[in-house]
Protein backbone atom coordinates (compact mmCIF):
# COMPACT_ATOMS: atom_id res chain seq x y z
CA MET A 1 33.60 4.47 -0.44
CA PRO A 2 33.58 5.34 3.04
CA ARG A 3 32.77 2.95 6.04
CA LEU A 4 29.26 4.19 7.42
CA THR A 5 29.28 5.49 10.95
CA ASP A 6 26.96 6.89 13.33
CA VAL A 7 27.12 10.17 15.02
CA ASP A 8 29.66 8.83 17.54
CA GLY A 9 31.81 7.63 14.84
CA SER A 10 31.01 3.89 15.39
CA LEU A 11 29.71 1.46 12.80
CA GLN A 12 26.17 0.63 13.33
CA PRO A 13 25.22 -2.61 11.60
CA GLU A 14 21.78 -3.67 10.70
CA SER A 15 20.79 -6.98 11.62
CA PRO A 16 22.82 -9.22 9.20
CA MET A 17 20.97 -10.11 6.27
CA ARG A 18 21.72 -12.16 2.86
CA LEU A 19 21.84 -9.85 -0.13
CA LEU A 20 22.02 -9.94 -3.72
CA LEU A 21 23.84 -6.99 -5.35
CA VAL A 22 23.67 -6.74 -9.02
CA ASP A 23 25.69 -4.51 -11.31
CA ASP A 24 27.41 -4.73 -14.69
CA GLU A 25 30.02 -2.15 -13.30
CA PRO A 26 32.62 -4.36 -11.13
CA ALA A 27 34.11 -1.08 -9.54
CA ILE A 28 30.54 0.06 -8.67
CA ALA A 29 29.63 -3.52 -7.17
CA ARG A 30 32.75 -3.66 -5.18
CA GLY A 31 32.26 -0.44 -3.58
CA LEU A 32 28.65 -1.02 -2.77
CA GLY A 33 29.53 -4.48 -1.60
CA ARG A 34 32.01 -3.26 0.89
CA ILE A 35 29.58 -0.82 2.13
CA LEU A 36 26.87 -3.45 2.83
CA ALA A 37 29.44 -5.83 4.18
CA ASP A 38 30.63 -3.21 6.65
CA ALA A 39 27.27 -2.98 7.74
CA GLY A 40 27.10 -6.63 8.78
CA HIS A 41 25.43 -8.18 5.97
CA GLN A 42 26.49 -11.35 3.48
CA VAL A 43 26.62 -9.86 0.07
CA THR A 44 26.53 -11.85 -3.12
CA THR A 45 26.93 -10.14 -6.18
CA ALA A 46 26.20 -10.68 -10.02
CA GLY A 47 27.40 -9.01 -12.94
CA ASN A 48 23.98 -8.97 -14.96
CA GLY A 49 20.47 -10.06 -14.76
CA ALA A 50 20.82 -13.67 -16.10
CA GLU A 51 23.54 -14.58 -13.70
CA ALA A 52 21.36 -13.08 -10.88
CA PHE A 53 18.40 -15.13 -11.50
CA LYS A 54 20.41 -17.94 -11.58
CA LEU A 55 21.54 -17.29 -7.97
CA VAL A 56 17.92 -16.42 -6.93
CA GLU A 57 16.95 -20.04 -7.96
CA SER A 58 19.13 -21.66 -5.81
CA THR A 59 19.50 -19.43 -2.92
CA ARG A 60 17.04 -17.31 -0.76
CA PHE A 61 17.97 -13.69 -0.33
CA ASP A 62 16.45 -11.14 2.20
CA VAL A 63 16.78 -8.19 -0.24
CA ILE A 64 18.05 -7.78 -3.82
CA VAL A 65 19.72 -4.54 -5.10
CA SER A 66 19.97 -4.06 -8.85
CA ASP A 67 20.75 -1.61 -11.28
CA ILE A 68 18.18 -1.17 -13.87
CA ARG A 69 20.10 -0.45 -16.81
CA MET A 70 22.36 -3.57 -17.82
CA PRO A 71 23.16 -5.64 -20.89
CA GLY A 72 21.07 -8.68 -21.68
CA MET A 73 18.43 -9.08 -18.84
CA ASP A 74 18.10 -5.88 -17.48
CA GLY A 75 16.84 -5.02 -14.17
CA LEU A 76 13.14 -4.95 -15.11
CA GLY A 77 13.53 -8.34 -16.75
CA LEU A 78 15.15 -9.71 -13.52
CA LEU A 79 12.16 -8.32 -11.51
CA ARG A 80 9.59 -9.92 -13.88
CA ALA A 81 11.55 -13.09 -13.61
CA ILE A 82 12.00 -12.81 -9.79
CA ARG A 83 8.23 -12.34 -9.27
CA GLY A 84 7.42 -15.50 -11.24
CA ARG A 85 8.85 -17.60 -8.41
CA ASP A 86 8.67 -15.02 -5.36
CA LEU A 87 6.11 -12.43 -4.71
CA ASP A 88 7.91 -11.23 -1.34
CA VAL A 89 11.55 -10.29 -1.71
CA PRO A 90 12.24 -6.85 -1.85
CA VAL A 91 14.03 -5.49 -4.87
CA VAL A 92 15.81 -2.19 -4.55
CA PHE A 93 16.72 -0.40 -7.86
CA MET A 94 19.42 1.81 -8.72
CA THR A 95 19.11 4.27 -11.47
CA GLY A 96 21.01 7.34 -13.04
CA SER A 97 18.26 8.43 -15.40
CA PRO A 98 14.58 7.60 -14.07
CA GLU A 99 12.08 7.29 -16.60
CA LEU A 100 8.29 7.24 -16.31
CA GLU A 101 7.61 4.15 -18.26
CA THR A 102 10.28 2.26 -16.26
CA ALA A 103 8.98 3.67 -12.98
CA ILE A 104 5.40 2.37 -13.59
CA GLN A 105 6.46 -0.84 -14.60
CA ALA A 106 8.75 -1.50 -11.89
CA VAL A 107 5.71 -0.52 -9.52
CA GLU A 108 3.49 -2.76 -11.20
CA HIS A 109 5.88 -5.83 -10.65
CA GLY A 110 6.62 -4.92 -7.09
CA ALA A 111 9.60 -2.71 -6.64
CA PHE A 112 10.38 -1.89 -3.23
CA ARG A 113 12.13 1.62 -3.87
CA TYR A 114 14.17 3.49 -6.26
CA LEU A 115 17.79 5.08 -5.48
CA LEU A 116 18.82 7.66 -7.63
CA LYS A 117 22.74 7.54 -8.52
CA PRO A 118 24.72 9.14 -7.03
CA PHE A 119 23.38 8.29 -3.59
CA ASP A 120 24.82 8.35 -0.11
CA GLY A 121 26.22 4.91 1.12
CA LYS A 122 24.28 5.38 4.43
CA GLU A 123 21.01 5.96 2.62
CA LEU A 124 21.50 2.48 0.82
CA VAL A 125 22.14 0.68 4.04
CA ALA A 126 19.18 2.21 5.90
CA LEU A 127 17.10 1.54 2.80
CA VAL A 128 18.20 -2.10 2.59
CA GLY A 129 17.69 -2.52 6.45
CA ARG A 130 13.92 -1.31 6.04
CA ALA A 131 13.18 -3.54 3.25
CA GLY A 132 14.83 -6.53 5.05
CA ARG A 133 12.78 -6.02 8.10
CA LEU A 134 9.38 -5.68 5.98
CA HIS A 135 10.69 -8.89 4.27
CA ARG A 136 11.03 -10.75 7.67
CA MET A 137 7.86 -9.37 8.82
CA VAL A 138 6.00 -10.95 5.94
CA GLN A 139 7.53 -14.00 6.32
CA LEU A 140 6.86 -14.32 10.10
CA SER A 141 3.26 -12.94 9.42
CA ARG A 142 2.95 -15.97 6.89
CA GLN A 143 4.57 -18.49 9.45
CA ALA A 144 2.23 -17.20 12.00
CA ALA A 145 -0.89 -17.52 9.50
CA GLU A 146 -0.03 -20.87 8.57
CA ALA A 147 0.55 -21.88 12.47
CA LEU A 148 -2.95 -20.15 13.04
CA ALA A 149 -4.83 -22.18 10.19
CA GLY A 150 -3.15 -25.39 11.44
CA ASN A 151 -4.79 -24.89 14.87
CA LEU A 152 -7.79 -22.99 13.93
CA ALA A 153 -9.96 -25.77 14.63
CA GLY A 154 -8.99 -26.00 18.04
CA ASP A 155 -8.91 -22.08 18.38
CA ARG A 156 -12.14 -21.48 16.75
CA LYS A 157 -14.28 -21.15 19.73
CA GLY A 158 -11.76 -18.40 20.99
CA LEU A 159 -11.73 -16.52 17.77
CA GLU A 160 -15.70 -16.70 17.46
CA THR A 161 -15.73 -15.15 20.92
CA ARG A 162 -13.46 -12.40 20.46
CA PHE A 163 -15.11 -11.73 17.01
CA ALA A 164 -18.43 -11.41 18.54
CA SER A 165 -17.24 -9.06 21.29
CA ALA A 166 -15.62 -6.88 18.56
CA MET A 167 -18.87 -6.81 16.54
CA ASP A 168 -20.68 -6.01 19.91
CA GLY A 169 -18.34 -2.76 20.45
CA MET A 170 -17.98 -1.71 16.57
CA ARG A 171 -18.22 1.98 15.83
CA MET A 172 -17.26 4.09 12.98
CA VAL A 173 -15.23 7.19 13.24
CA MET A 174 -14.66 9.80 10.32
CA GLN A 175 -11.56 11.22 9.16
CA PRO A 176 -12.01 14.23 6.60
CA ILE A 177 -10.55 14.45 2.96
CA LEU A 178 -10.10 17.77 1.83
CA SER A 179 -9.59 19.99 -1.54
CA TRP A 180 -6.49 22.24 -0.46
CA ARG A 181 -6.94 24.39 -3.59
CA THR A 182 -10.62 25.45 -2.46
CA ARG A 183 -9.96 24.65 1.23
CA THR A 184 -13.31 22.70 1.24
CA ILE A 185 -14.27 19.28 2.64
CA PHE A 186 -14.40 16.93 -0.45
CA GLY A 187 -15.72 13.83 1.86
CA TYR A 188 -15.05 11.61 4.92
CA GLU A 189 -13.69 8.16 5.19
CA ALA A 190 -15.48 5.80 7.59
CA LEU A 191 -12.94 3.90 9.69
CA LEU A 192 -13.73 0.82 11.67
CA ARG A 193 -13.04 0.60 15.40
CA THR A 194 -14.15 -1.56 18.36
CA SER A 195 -13.76 -1.99 21.79
CA GLU A 196 -12.65 -5.50 21.72
CA PRO A 197 -9.06 -5.13 22.89
CA THR A 198 -7.67 -8.16 21.05
CA LEU A 199 -8.95 -6.96 17.64
CA GLN A 200 -8.70 -3.21 18.06
CA ASN A 201 -6.23 -3.14 14.73
CA PRO A 202 -8.98 -2.98 11.87
CA VAL A 203 -6.77 -5.19 9.82
CA ASP A 204 -6.64 -8.03 12.56
CA PHE A 205 -10.78 -7.48 13.00
CA VAL A 206 -10.97 -8.05 9.20
CA ASP A 207 -8.82 -10.82 9.09
CA ALA A 208 -10.97 -12.49 12.00
CA ALA A 209 -13.95 -12.20 9.64
CA VAL A 210 -12.15 -13.69 7.01
CA ARG A 211 -11.00 -16.78 8.80
CA LEU A 212 -14.52 -17.18 10.42
CA ASP A 213 -16.19 -16.66 6.79
CA ARG A 214 -18.25 -13.73 8.28
CA THR A 215 -17.01 -10.90 6.05
CA THR A 216 -20.38 -10.50 4.49
CA GLU A 217 -21.73 -9.90 7.98
CA LEU A 218 -19.36 -7.55 9.05
CA GLY A 219 -19.43 -5.50 5.64
CA ARG A 220 -23.29 -5.23 5.96
CA LYS A 221 -22.90 -4.13 9.43
CA ILE A 222 -20.47 -1.49 8.56
CA ARG A 223 -22.51 -0.20 5.87
CA ARG A 224 -25.68 -0.01 8.30
CA ARG A 225 -23.37 2.08 10.79
CA VAL A 226 -22.21 4.39 7.94
CA ALA A 227 -26.04 4.81 6.67
CA ASP A 228 -27.27 5.77 10.11
CA GLN A 229 -24.22 8.51 10.08
CA LEU A 230 -24.78 9.46 6.61
CA VAL A 231 -28.36 11.15 7.65
CA HIS A 232 -26.41 13.62 9.38
CA ALA A 233 -23.49 14.32 7.17
CA PRO A 234 -23.05 17.48 5.35
CA PRO A 235 -25.08 16.94 2.08
CA SER A 236 -22.39 18.18 -0.28
CA VAL A 237 -19.83 15.59 0.89
CA ASN A 238 -18.76 12.13 -0.38
CA MET A 239 -18.42 9.08 1.93
CA PHE A 240 -15.61 6.69 1.61
CA VAL A 241 -16.73 3.21 2.65
CA ASN A 242 -13.84 0.49 2.63
CA LEU A 243 -14.95 -3.06 1.26
CA HIS A 244 -13.41 -6.20 1.19
CA PRO A 245 -13.35 -7.21 -2.34
CA SER A 246 -15.94 -10.03 -2.06
CA ASP A 247 -18.44 -7.35 -0.64
CA LEU A 248 -18.37 -5.91 -4.49
CA VAL A 249 -20.53 -8.83 -5.45
CA ASP A 250 -22.94 -8.77 -2.23
CA ASP A 251 -26.47 -8.36 -3.56
CA GLU A 252 -27.33 -6.26 -0.57
CA LEU A 253 -25.19 -3.23 -2.03
CA CYS A 254 -27.61 -3.02 -4.88
CA ALA A 255 -30.85 -4.02 -3.31
CA SER A 256 -33.78 -1.55 -3.04
CA GLU A 257 -33.56 -1.73 0.74
CA GLY A 258 -29.84 -2.00 0.98
CA ALA A 259 -28.33 0.28 3.74
CA LEU A 260 -26.57 2.48 1.38
CA THR A 261 -28.59 2.25 -1.78
CA GLY A 262 -30.57 5.31 -1.16
CA PHE A 263 -27.16 7.12 -0.48
CA ALA A 264 -25.31 5.64 -3.82
CA PRO A 265 -24.43 8.96 -5.38
CA ARG A 266 -22.65 10.03 -2.20
CA VAL A 267 -20.99 7.04 -1.57
CA VAL A 268 -17.32 5.81 -2.61
CA LEU A 269 -16.72 2.14 -2.53
CA GLU A 270 -12.95 1.96 -1.39
CA VAL A 271 -11.51 -1.23 -2.44
CA THR A 272 -8.93 -2.85 -0.37
CA GLU A 273 -6.96 -6.11 -0.32
CA ARG A 274 -6.15 -5.78 -3.91
CA ALA A 275 -4.48 -9.15 -4.00
CA ALA A 276 -7.97 -10.74 -3.35
CA LEU A 277 -9.44 -9.33 -6.43
CA ASP A 278 -8.44 -12.00 -8.83
CA HIS A 279 -10.49 -14.68 -6.48
CA VAL A 280 -13.73 -12.99 -6.55
CA VAL A 281 -16.12 -14.17 -9.61
CA GLY A 282 -18.14 -11.52 -11.06
CA ILE A 283 -16.57 -8.26 -10.39
CA PRO A 284 -17.02 -6.79 -13.80
CA ALA A 285 -21.04 -7.44 -13.91
CA ALA A 286 -21.05 -6.02 -10.35
CA LEU A 287 -19.28 -3.02 -11.08
CA LEU A 288 -21.78 -2.26 -13.84
CA ARG A 289 -24.75 -2.56 -11.49
CA LEU A 290 -23.05 -0.67 -8.66
CA ARG A 291 -22.23 2.25 -11.02
CA GLY A 292 -25.61 2.14 -12.63
CA LEU A 293 -27.19 2.95 -9.18
CA GLY A 294 -24.37 6.12 -8.88
CA TYR A 295 -21.77 4.49 -6.54
CA ARG A 296 -18.06 5.25 -7.52
CA ILE A 297 -15.27 3.15 -7.08
CA ALA A 298 -11.87 4.20 -5.23
CA LEU A 299 -8.49 2.06 -5.20
CA ASP A 300 -6.76 2.13 -2.17
CA ASP A 301 -3.21 2.32 -1.73
CA LEU A 302 -1.98 3.12 -5.27
CA GLY A 303 1.94 2.49 -5.48
CA ALA A 304 2.15 -0.39 -2.66
CA GLY A 305 2.65 -3.93 -3.28
CA TYR A 306 2.49 -5.83 -6.46
CA ALA A 307 -0.82 -5.24 -7.68
CA GLY A 308 -1.53 -1.59 -7.71
CA LEU A 309 -1.66 -0.85 -11.36
CA SER A 310 -3.14 -3.98 -12.48
CA SER A 311 -5.92 -3.56 -10.07
CA PHE A 312 -6.19 -0.07 -11.54
CA ALA A 313 -7.18 -1.40 -15.24
CA GLN A 314 -9.37 -4.14 -13.50
CA LEU A 315 -11.55 -1.63 -11.36
CA GLU A 316 -11.25 1.52 -13.67
CA PRO A 317 -11.71 3.59 -10.61
CA GLU A 318 -12.92 7.32 -10.25
CA ILE A 319 -10.86 7.96 -7.45
CA VAL A 320 -7.71 6.40 -6.20
CA LYS A 321 -5.80 7.02 -2.99
CA VAL A 322 -1.87 7.01 -3.06
CA ASP A 323 -0.28 4.88 -0.56
CA ILE A 324 1.10 6.29 2.58
CA SER A 325 4.58 4.91 1.82
CA LEU A 326 4.91 7.01 -1.12
CA ILE A 327 3.59 10.15 0.68
CA ARG A 328 5.75 9.93 3.89
CA GLY A 329 8.70 12.18 3.47
CA ILE A 330 8.08 12.91 -0.22
CA HIS A 331 9.63 16.22 0.21
CA GLU A 332 13.07 14.46 0.56
CA SER A 333 12.64 11.97 -2.03
CA PRO A 334 13.22 12.86 -5.89
CA VAL A 335 11.99 9.24 -6.52
CA LYS A 336 8.60 9.61 -4.73
CA GLN A 337 8.23 12.76 -6.43
CA MET A 338 8.57 11.47 -9.74
CA LEU A 339 6.19 8.75 -8.89
CA PHE A 340 3.47 11.00 -7.61
CA ARG A 341 3.73 13.09 -10.49
CA SER A 342 3.42 10.20 -12.91
CA PHE A 343 0.47 9.16 -11.07
CA THR A 344 -1.02 12.32 -11.06
CA ASN A 345 -0.52 12.98 -14.67
CA LEU A 346 -1.97 9.19 -15.24
CA CYS A 347 -4.83 10.00 -13.27
CA ARG A 348 -5.73 13.45 -15.22
CA ASP A 349 -5.48 11.48 -18.57
CA MET A 350 -8.07 9.14 -17.38
CA ASN A 351 -10.42 11.99 -15.63
CA THR A 352 -9.56 10.25 -12.14
CA GLU A 353 -9.45 11.98 -8.84
CA ILE A 354 -6.31 11.53 -6.72
CA VAL A 355 -6.22 11.33 -3.09
CA ALA A 356 -2.81 11.78 -1.03
CA GLU A 357 -3.56 10.15 2.18
CA GLY A 358 -1.45 9.97 5.44
CA ILE A 359 0.03 13.52 5.37
CA GLU A 360 1.72 14.59 8.48
CA LEU A 361 3.92 17.51 7.79
CA VAL A 362 3.57 20.91 6.33
CA GLU A 363 6.39 20.17 3.94
CA GLU A 364 4.76 16.94 2.58
CA ARG A 365 1.54 18.91 1.69
CA GLU A 366 3.47 21.81 0.08
CA CYS A 367 5.52 19.32 -1.96
CA LEU A 368 2.38 17.51 -3.08
CA THR A 369 0.86 20.87 -3.80
CA THR A 370 3.65 21.69 -6.23
CA LEU A 371 3.35 18.10 -7.93
CA GLY A 372 -0.10 18.93 -8.90
CA GLY A 373 -1.75 17.26 -5.77
CA ASP A 374 -5.22 18.55 -4.08
CA LEU A 375 -7.19 16.05 -2.35
CA TYR A 376 -5.32 15.35 1.03
CA GLN A 377 -6.11 13.21 3.95
CA GLY A 378 -4.12 12.79 7.31
CA PHE A 379 -3.20 13.84 10.71
CA LEU A 380 -1.95 17.21 9.69
CA PHE A 381 -5.35 18.16 8.94
CA ALA A 382 -7.50 16.11 11.44
CA ARG A 383 -7.49 12.77 13.24
CA PRO A 384 -10.45 10.31 13.04
CA GLY A 385 -13.19 11.23 15.28
CA GLN A 386 -16.80 10.90 16.40
CA GLY A 387 -19.13 12.81 13.76
CA PHE A 388 -17.81 14.86 11.24
CA PRO A 389 -14.51 16.57 12.45
CA LEU A 390 -13.50 19.73 10.83
CA PRO A 391 -9.84 19.56 8.95
CA VAL A 392 -7.31 22.51 10.11
CA TYR A 393 -6.02 24.24 6.85
């Protein structure tokens, strides 16, 4: 296989990473290993899943690239074994014949991406580079979180001050979700914003609430702000409100005087931070109460991370939102198209609405429509704004 070159003909290596390459065909393993080594990476090869898992037990890898169909322990068996000891390391699958059941299992256990054989070596290097960068970001974030946790007692005063400022400067902006088939507005998602410069990223804002044990306070204030705007919302549209999983069991949501209780049939509670679902007690009973009032449940980011499909089964949502990582560039990716179509079929069988979010290109919208999509959200149609901005069709 040829060496990988940039447009000027020079080799452009990624930041060196430790890679594990798994394939039962030695010639393919040698060729791919040479391409990855030429890109500057340290490559270890294994001929089957069992051999690969032994290496994983003794060596920390940045990315694992594996064939799916192998004798003995196949790629899925290897993935399940890896997830039993490491939830973070990205696993990239190679396959010549993708199957729906295999794809669903791979997504459920946290496969990073598929590569369909035959593929270009440059595509492999680029994908491994993205996977490795993500893995390192996760590791650095965890190290930073551990360091912050260790210093939290000394820094708590500062964090409390910044959080109070963020709460004072908090506002909600709206982004429309539209039905492309009918050219109508299906709903709006309420998105958190603040003027506090150190917590302008909503993820950081919510994380500060978690660290200070103030998620309930933040969630209730968000719902009061949304209720204030719902009074002025078009009466036929749905309002998507993001919740931390612990908010599901907040009695205020179901109380007669609760901020959103009177609007419940128009409210979709969008559950984020899926990994935390398992740590919240009483979710099944809470879901019964919420649905009894007319609330609907949406699962955010289906297809991302490790818990998407298991959370689908746990929440049995009326609406799911497909993660932006599967939407971005879908018109250029047969694997993403296969996954989106499989999600569309699954949701249709379960009478569940499916929303594609993060659409930025006309080509993405057109591709999604051919795959059975209809409910869309993204910058292509409208950016989040004050009031209820109208989408561009």
